[in-house]
């Protein structure tokens, strides 16, 4: 169930951030200020802590021939350019440079469940901040970045480009785009990705993954692209507070159920269902050789991100 919590006692504040996506009108100045604040924060992280992690684990598409130079002891024989060697009468080897430029696609879930947040941050706000960090890391490495927003349909596609203004547009859309749909269908987004992005790309799929089975489409995407799944969740979606009778509402369908959180059995059953879902998600990712990262609203996302990149770098080093 995609949660929205309501307690009978109004003294306890469990909020649903920007319920239905548009409860609080925002002026252009407020929007620009929020985007600028997010830019300053994430660019600072890129410059001080994160860009090296990104660069070290996402490689270019191959090697480009750059030039030739005279053979030196220790050079590999297979690097010799035999045509130039024959023409000049002395051994020359080929020099190559890495084709560094990558295409990065951010696939972001903007369904109604993303508006939930029991802390100062909603899931959608966390998704936007993480996407911003990844986008600026890519731009700093001269990569192109594109965006797919989805709900139970593909809501928006912005083709990959470079540059700060392009990146700021992506972040604005992630934060403030008002989707037509409310549900979540990752399979549709993945099918669209597989159709529209024909060359291998680095794909960051950011979602709470509260959705029907999408393993078939995920398997295709995992084979075609360097795919990373980023699971955004909120603590209250995993552990119910012991606060008495509350109403759980599915933010995407509007279905409601009233439960008594003072009942330990209820809380245990709820936690068990969530654990089952997360275990199945982990199995699906492992089965398709896809890396996954779990991030929680209201917590510092940099340590788990950096830990993921360090682990991935070590794996690449031993291959």
Protein backbone atom coordinates (compact mmCIF):
# COMPACT_ATOMS: atom_id res chain seq x y z
CA UNK A 1 0.00 0.00 0.00
CA UNK A 2 1.25 3.47 -0.91
CA UNK A 3 0.85 5.21 2.37
CA UNK A 4 -0.84 8.34 3.48
CA UNK A 5 -1.30 8.33 7.26
CA UNK A 6 -4.07 10.04 9.18
CA UNK A 7 -4.36 9.84 12.97
CA UNK A 8 -7.51 10.62 14.91
CA UNK A 9 -5.50 12.64 17.42
CA UNK A 10 -4.36 15.74 15.46
CA UNK A 11 -1.57 16.48 17.93
CA UNK A 12 0.72 13.94 16.23
CA UNK A 13 2.19 15.29 13.01
CA UNK A 14 2.64 12.68 10.33
CA UNK A 15 2.57 14.59 7.11
CA UNK A 16 1.91 13.72 3.52
CA UNK A 17 4.16 16.07 1.60
CA UNK A 18 2.28 18.16 -0.95
CA UNK A 19 -0.73 15.80 -0.92
CA UNK A 20 -2.00 15.10 -4.43
CA UNK A 21 0.98 17.05 -5.77
CA UNK A 22 -0.56 20.50 -5.65
CA UNK A 23 -1.97 21.51 -2.27
CA UNK A 24 0.35 24.47 -1.91
CA UNK A 25 0.73 26.88 -4.79
CA UNK A 26 4.29 28.03 -5.30
CA UNK A 27 5.39 31.24 -6.93
CA UNK A 28 8.02 31.34 -9.65
CA UNK A 29 10.41 32.96 -7.19
CA UNK A 30 9.92 30.12 -4.69
CA UNK A 31 10.49 27.52 -7.37
CA UNK A 32 13.67 29.20 -8.60
CA UNK A 33 14.94 29.57 -5.05
CA UNK A 34 14.39 25.89 -4.33
CA UNK A 35 16.14 24.83 -7.53
CA UNK A 36 19.06 27.17 -6.85
CA UNK A 37 19.40 25.92 -3.27
CA UNK A 38 19.43 22.33 -4.49
CA UNK A 39 22.00 23.20 -7.16
CA UNK A 40 24.35 24.82 -4.65
CA UNK A 41 24.12 21.87 -2.27
CA UNK A 42 24.58 19.11 -4.81
CA UNK A 43 27.26 20.85 -6.85
CA UNK A 44 29.19 21.36 -3.63
CA UNK A 45 28.97 17.63 -2.94
CA UNK A 46 30.08 16.86 -6.48
CA UNK A 47 33.13 19.10 -6.18
CA UNK A 48 34.20 17.89 -2.74
CA UNK A 49 33.18 14.27 -2.36
CA UNK A 50 31.39 12.53 -5.17
CA UNK A 51 32.68 13.22 -8.68
CA UNK A 52 35.70 10.93 -8.33
CA UNK A 53 33.45 8.08 -7.21
CA UNK A 54 31.24 8.55 -10.26
CA UNK A 55 34.14 8.79 -12.71
CA UNK A 56 35.88 5.69 -11.40
CA UNK A 57 32.97 3.29 -11.87
CA UNK A 58 31.34 4.45 -15.09
CA UNK A 59 33.61 3.97 -18.05
CA UNK A 60 33.32 5.23 -21.59
CA UNK A 61 32.18 3.16 -24.54
CA UNK A 62 35.72 2.21 -25.63
CA UNK A 63 39.08 3.51 -26.78
CA UNK A 64 39.73 6.02 -29.56
CA UNK A 65 42.91 6.08 -31.63
CA UNK A 66 44.78 9.32 -30.93
CA UNK A 67 48.32 9.19 -32.36
CA UNK A 68 51.46 7.10 -32.76
CA UNK A 69 54.79 7.31 -30.94
CA UNK A 70 58.07 5.48 -31.10
CA UNK A 71 58.20 2.06 -29.50
CA UNK A 72 59.73 1.94 -26.02
CA UNK A 73 60.91 -1.12 -24.08
CA UNK A 74 57.96 -2.54 -22.17
CA UNK A 75 55.32 -1.56 -24.75
CA UNK A 76 53.02 -4.37 -25.83
CA UNK A 77 53.86 -5.90 -29.19
CA UNK A 78 50.19 -5.89 -30.15
CA UNK A 79 50.18 -2.08 -29.89
CA UNK A 80 52.69 -1.73 -32.75
CA UNK A 81 51.36 0.08 -35.82
CA UNK A 82 52.90 -2.10 -38.49
CA UNK A 83 51.99 0.18 -41.39
CA UNK A 84 53.74 3.20 -39.86
CA UNK A 85 56.65 1.02 -38.73
CA UNK A 86 57.18 -0.30 -42.27
CA UNK A 87 56.93 3.16 -43.79
CA UNK A 88 59.38 4.87 -41.39
CA UNK A 89 61.73 1.99 -40.79
CA UNK A 90 61.46 2.09 -36.99
CA UNK A 91 58.89 0.68 -34.58
CA UNK A 92 55.89 2.85 -33.65
CA UNK A 93 53.00 2.02 -31.35
CA UNK A 94 49.44 3.31 -31.38
CA UNK A 95 48.22 5.67 -28.64
CA UNK A 96 44.61 5.47 -27.52
CA UNK A 97 42.41 7.59 -25.29
CA UNK A 98 39.26 6.46 -23.50
CA UNK A 99 36.04 7.50 -25.17
CA UNK A 100 34.83 9.05 -21.95
CA UNK A 101 31.51 10.54 -22.98
CA UNK A 102 28.56 8.57 -21.68
CA UNK A 103 24.83 8.91 -21.99
CA UNK A 104 23.13 8.96 -18.59
CA UNK A 105 19.38 8.49 -18.30
CA UNK A 106 17.52 9.32 -15.10
CA UNK A 107 14.25 7.38 -14.92
CA UNK A 108 12.24 8.86 -12.06
CA UNK A 109 8.95 7.70 -10.53
CA UNK A 110 6.64 10.71 -10.00
CA UNK A 111 3.54 8.75 -8.98
CA UNK A 112 1.36 9.90 -6.10
CA UNK A 113 3.11 7.67 -3.56
CA UNK A 114 6.21 9.84 -3.96
CA UNK A 115 4.45 12.72 -2.23
CA UNK A 116 4.58 10.86 1.08
CA UNK A 117 7.08 11.82 3.73
CA UNK A 118 6.94 11.46 7.50
CA UNK A 119 9.98 13.70 8.04
CA UNK A 120 10.88 17.10 6.63
CA UNK A 121 11.38 15.48 3.23
CA UNK A 122 9.07 13.64 0.85
CA UNK A 123 10.22 10.72 -1.27
CA UNK A 124 9.94 12.84 -4.39
CA UNK A 125 12.12 15.55 -2.85
CA UNK A 126 14.77 12.98 -1.98
CA UNK A 127 14.56 11.54 -5.49
CA UNK A 128 15.08 15.02 -6.95
CA UNK A 129 18.10 15.70 -4.75
CA UNK A 130 19.76 12.39 -5.62
CA UNK A 131 18.98 12.90 -9.31
CA UNK A 132 20.49 16.37 -9.11
CA UNK A 133 23.69 14.99 -7.59
CA UNK A 134 23.97 12.33 -10.28
CA UNK A 135 23.20 14.82 -13.06
CA UNK A 136 25.87 17.30 -11.96
CA UNK A 137 28.37 14.44 -11.55
CA UNK A 138 27.65 13.39 -15.12
CA UNK A 139 27.92 16.94 -16.49
CA UNK A 140 31.23 17.45 -14.67
CA UNK A 141 32.51 14.37 -16.51
CA UNK A 142 31.30 15.75 -19.84
CA UNK A 143 28.49 13.19 -20.11
CA UNK A 144 25.05 13.81 -21.53
CA UNK A 145 22.01 13.46 -19.26
CA UNK A 146 18.40 12.71 -20.19
CA UNK A 147 15.22 12.22 -18.18
CA UNK A 148 12.17 9.98 -18.19
CA UNK A 149 9.36 10.73 -15.71
CA UNK A 150 6.72 8.06 -15.26
CA UNK A 151 3.63 7.09 -13.28
CA UNK A 152 1.26 4.50 -14.72
CA UNK A 153 2.31 6.00 -18.04
CA UNK A 154 5.36 7.77 -19.46
CA UNK A 155 4.77 11.39 -18.46
CA UNK A 156 7.82 13.13 -19.92
CA UNK A 157 10.97 12.44 -21.90
CA UNK A 158 13.80 14.95 -22.20
CA UNK A 159 16.55 13.80 -24.59
CA UNK A 160 20.13 13.67 -23.29
CA UNK A 161 22.14 16.88 -23.49
CA UNK A 162 24.99 18.58 -21.69
CA UNK A 163 25.23 21.81 -19.73
CA UNK A 164 24.10 23.50 -16.56
CA UNK A 165 20.91 25.03 -17.94
CA UNK A 166 19.81 21.64 -19.26
CA UNK A 167 20.52 20.03 -15.88
CA UNK A 168 18.53 22.70 -14.06
CA UNK A 169 15.60 22.01 -16.36
CA UNK A 170 15.75 18.33 -15.46
CA UNK A 171 15.71 19.13 -11.75
CA UNK A 172 12.81 21.56 -12.14
CA UNK A 173 10.76 18.89 -13.88
CA UNK A 174 11.54 16.24 -11.26
CA UNK A 175 10.54 18.59 -8.44
CA UNK A 176 7.52 20.35 -9.89
CA UNK A 177 6.15 18.38 -12.84
CA UNK A 178 2.45 17.67 -12.31
CA UNK A 179 1.75 14.19 -13.68
CA UNK A 180 -1.52 13.09 -15.23
CA UNK A 181 -1.35 9.62 -13.73
CA UNK A 182 -1.28 8.58 -10.07
CA UNK A 183 -0.34 4.90 -10.22
CA UNK A 184 3.02 3.21 -10.79
CA UNK A 185 3.90 1.01 -13.78
CA UNK A 186 7.69 0.61 -14.02
CA UNK A 187 7.31 -1.90 -16.87
CA UNK A 188 5.88 0.80 -19.15
CA UNK A 189 8.76 3.14 -18.36
CA UNK A 190 11.30 0.39 -18.96
CA UNK A 191 9.70 -0.62 -22.26
CA UNK A 192 9.85 3.02 -23.34
CA UNK A 193 13.49 3.28 -22.25
CA UNK A 194 14.40 0.15 -24.20
CA UNK A 195 12.71 1.54 -27.29
CA UNK A 196 13.90 5.17 -27.20
CA UNK A 197 17.50 4.72 -25.96
CA UNK A 198 19.08 2.46 -28.56
CA UNK A 199 22.75 2.79 -27.53
CA UNK A 200 24.08 1.51 -24.23
CA UNK A 201 23.60 4.07 -21.46
CA UNK A 202 24.05 4.42 -17.72
CA UNK A 203 20.52 4.25 -16.28
CA UNK A 204 19.59 5.37 -12.77
CA UNK A 205 16.07 4.12 -12.05
CA UNK A 206 14.73 6.03 -9.02
CA UNK A 207 11.49 4.78 -7.47
CA UNK A 208 9.82 3.50 -4.32
CA UNK A 209 9.11 0.32 -6.33
CA UNK A 210 5.58 0.00 -4.95
CA UNK A 211 4.33 -1.53 -8.16
CA UNK A 212 3.18 -4.67 -9.99
CA UNK A 213 5.75 -7.14 -11.31
CA UNK A 214 8.10 -5.60 -13.87
CA UNK A 215 10.82 -8.25 -13.97
CA UNK A 216 10.51 -8.99 -17.71
CA UNK A 217 11.12 -5.41 -18.79
CA UNK A 218 13.82 -5.05 -16.14
CA UNK A 219 15.69 -8.05 -17.51
CA UNK A 220 15.81 -6.45 -20.96
CA UNK A 221 17.00 -3.12 -19.59
CA UNK A 222 19.63 -4.82 -17.45
CA UNK A 223 21.13 -6.51 -20.50
CA UNK A 224 21.12 -3.39 -22.66
CA UNK A 225 22.30 -0.79 -20.18
CA UNK A 226 24.51 -0.22 -17.16
CA UNK A 227 21.53 -0.20 -14.82
CA UNK A 228 21.36 0.99 -11.20
CA UNK A 229 18.12 0.79 -9.18
CA UNK A 230 17.73 3.41 -6.44
CA UNK A 231 15.02 2.45 -3.94
CA UNK A 232 13.53 5.48 -2.14
CA UNK A 233 11.59 4.70 1.03
CA UNK A 234 10.27 6.32 4.18
CA UNK A 235 10.61 4.88 7.69
CA UNK A 236 6.84 4.95 8.23
CA UNK A 237 6.40 2.66 5.23
CA UNK A 238 8.40 0.02 7.06
CA UNK A 239 7.68 0.52 10.76
CA UNK A 240 4.32 1.70 12.07
CA UNK A 241 4.41 3.98 15.12
CA UNK A 242 2.60 2.84 18.25
CA UNK A 243 0.08 5.70 18.30
CA UNK A 244 -3.32 4.03 18.36
CA UNK A 245 -5.92 4.01 15.62
CA UNK A 246 -4.84 5.46 12.28
CA UNK A 247 -6.12 5.42 8.73
CA UNK A 248 -3.86 4.09 6.00
CA UNK A 249 -4.69 5.44 2.58
CA UNK A 250 -3.30 4.27 -0.73
CA UNK A 251 -2.06 7.53 -2.22
CA UNK A 252 -2.53 6.21 -5.75
CA UNK A 253 -6.00 4.63 -5.53
CA UNK A 254 -7.55 6.41 -2.54
CA UNK A 255 -8.41 3.08 -0.87
CA UNK A 256 -8.41 3.34 2.92
CA UNK A 257 -8.13 0.98 5.85
CA UNK A 258 -8.32 1.75 9.56
CA UNK A 259 -5.93 -0.10 11.87
CA UNK A 260 -4.93 -0.03 15.51
CA UNK A 261 -1.16 0.47 15.71
CA UNK A 262 -1.24 -0.16 19.46
CA UNK A 263 -1.73 -3.84 18.58
CA UNK A 264 1.73 -5.44 18.41
CA UNK A 265 0.48 -8.20 16.08
CA UNK A 266 -0.70 -5.58 13.59
CA UNK A 267 2.65 -3.81 13.63
CA UNK A 268 4.54 -7.09 13.25
CA UNK A 269 2.34 -8.22 10.34
CA UNK A 270 2.81 -4.88 8.61
CA UNK A 271 6.59 -5.07 8.98
CA UNK A 272 6.54 -8.64 7.68
CA UNK A 273 4.68 -7.67 4.51
CA UNK A 274 7.12 -4.85 3.84
CA UNK A 275 10.07 -7.18 4.41
CA UNK A 276 8.63 -9.71 1.96
CA UNK A 277 8.29 -7.02 -0.70
CA UNK A 278 11.85 -5.78 -0.20
CA UNK A 279 13.24 -9.32 -0.25
CA UNK A 280 11.48 -10.03 -3.54
CA UNK A 281 12.78 -6.76 -5.01
CA UNK A 282 16.34 -7.69 -3.99
CA UNK A 283 15.93 -11.14 -5.57
CA UNK A 284 14.70 -9.61 -8.81
CA UNK A 285 17.66 -7.24 -9.01
CA UNK A 286 20.20 -9.97 -8.23
CA UNK A 287 18.63 -12.33 -10.74
CA UNK A 288 19.19 -9.72 -13.44
CA UNK A 289 22.67 -8.67 -12.24
CA UNK A 290 21.44 -5.17 -11.40
CA UNK A 291 22.94 -3.07 -8.64
CA UNK A 292 20.58 -1.61 -6.05
CA UNK A 293 20.83 1.20 -3.50
CA UNK A 294 18.31 1.87 -0.71
CA UNK A 295 17.89 5.48 0.48
CA UNK A 296 15.60 6.75 3.24
CA UNK A 297 13.92 10.14 3.52
CA UNK A 298 15.28 12.38 6.23
CA UNK A 299 18.65 10.62 6.31
CA UNK A 300 21.98 11.55 4.75
CA UNK A 301 22.04 9.81 1.37
CA UNK A 302 25.73 10.43 0.66
CA UNK A 303 27.20 7.59 2.82
CA UNK A 304 25.14 4.79 1.19
CA UNK A 305 25.78 6.25 -2.27
CA UNK A 306 29.52 6.48 -1.70
CA UNK A 307 29.58 3.00 -0.17
CA UNK A 308 27.87 1.64 -3.27
CA UNK A 309 30.36 3.32 -5.60
CA UNK A 310 33.34 2.08 -3.57
CA UNK A 311 32.02 -1.50 -3.61
CA UNK A 312 31.40 -1.29 -7.33
CA UNK A 313 34.88 0.10 -7.95
CA UNK A 314 36.41 -2.84 -6.06
CA UNK A 315 34.37 -5.30 -8.11
CA UNK A 316 35.53 -3.71 -11.35
CA UNK A 317 39.15 -3.79 -10.20
CA UNK A 318 39.17 -7.59 -9.80
CA UNK A 319 37.47 -8.42 -13.08
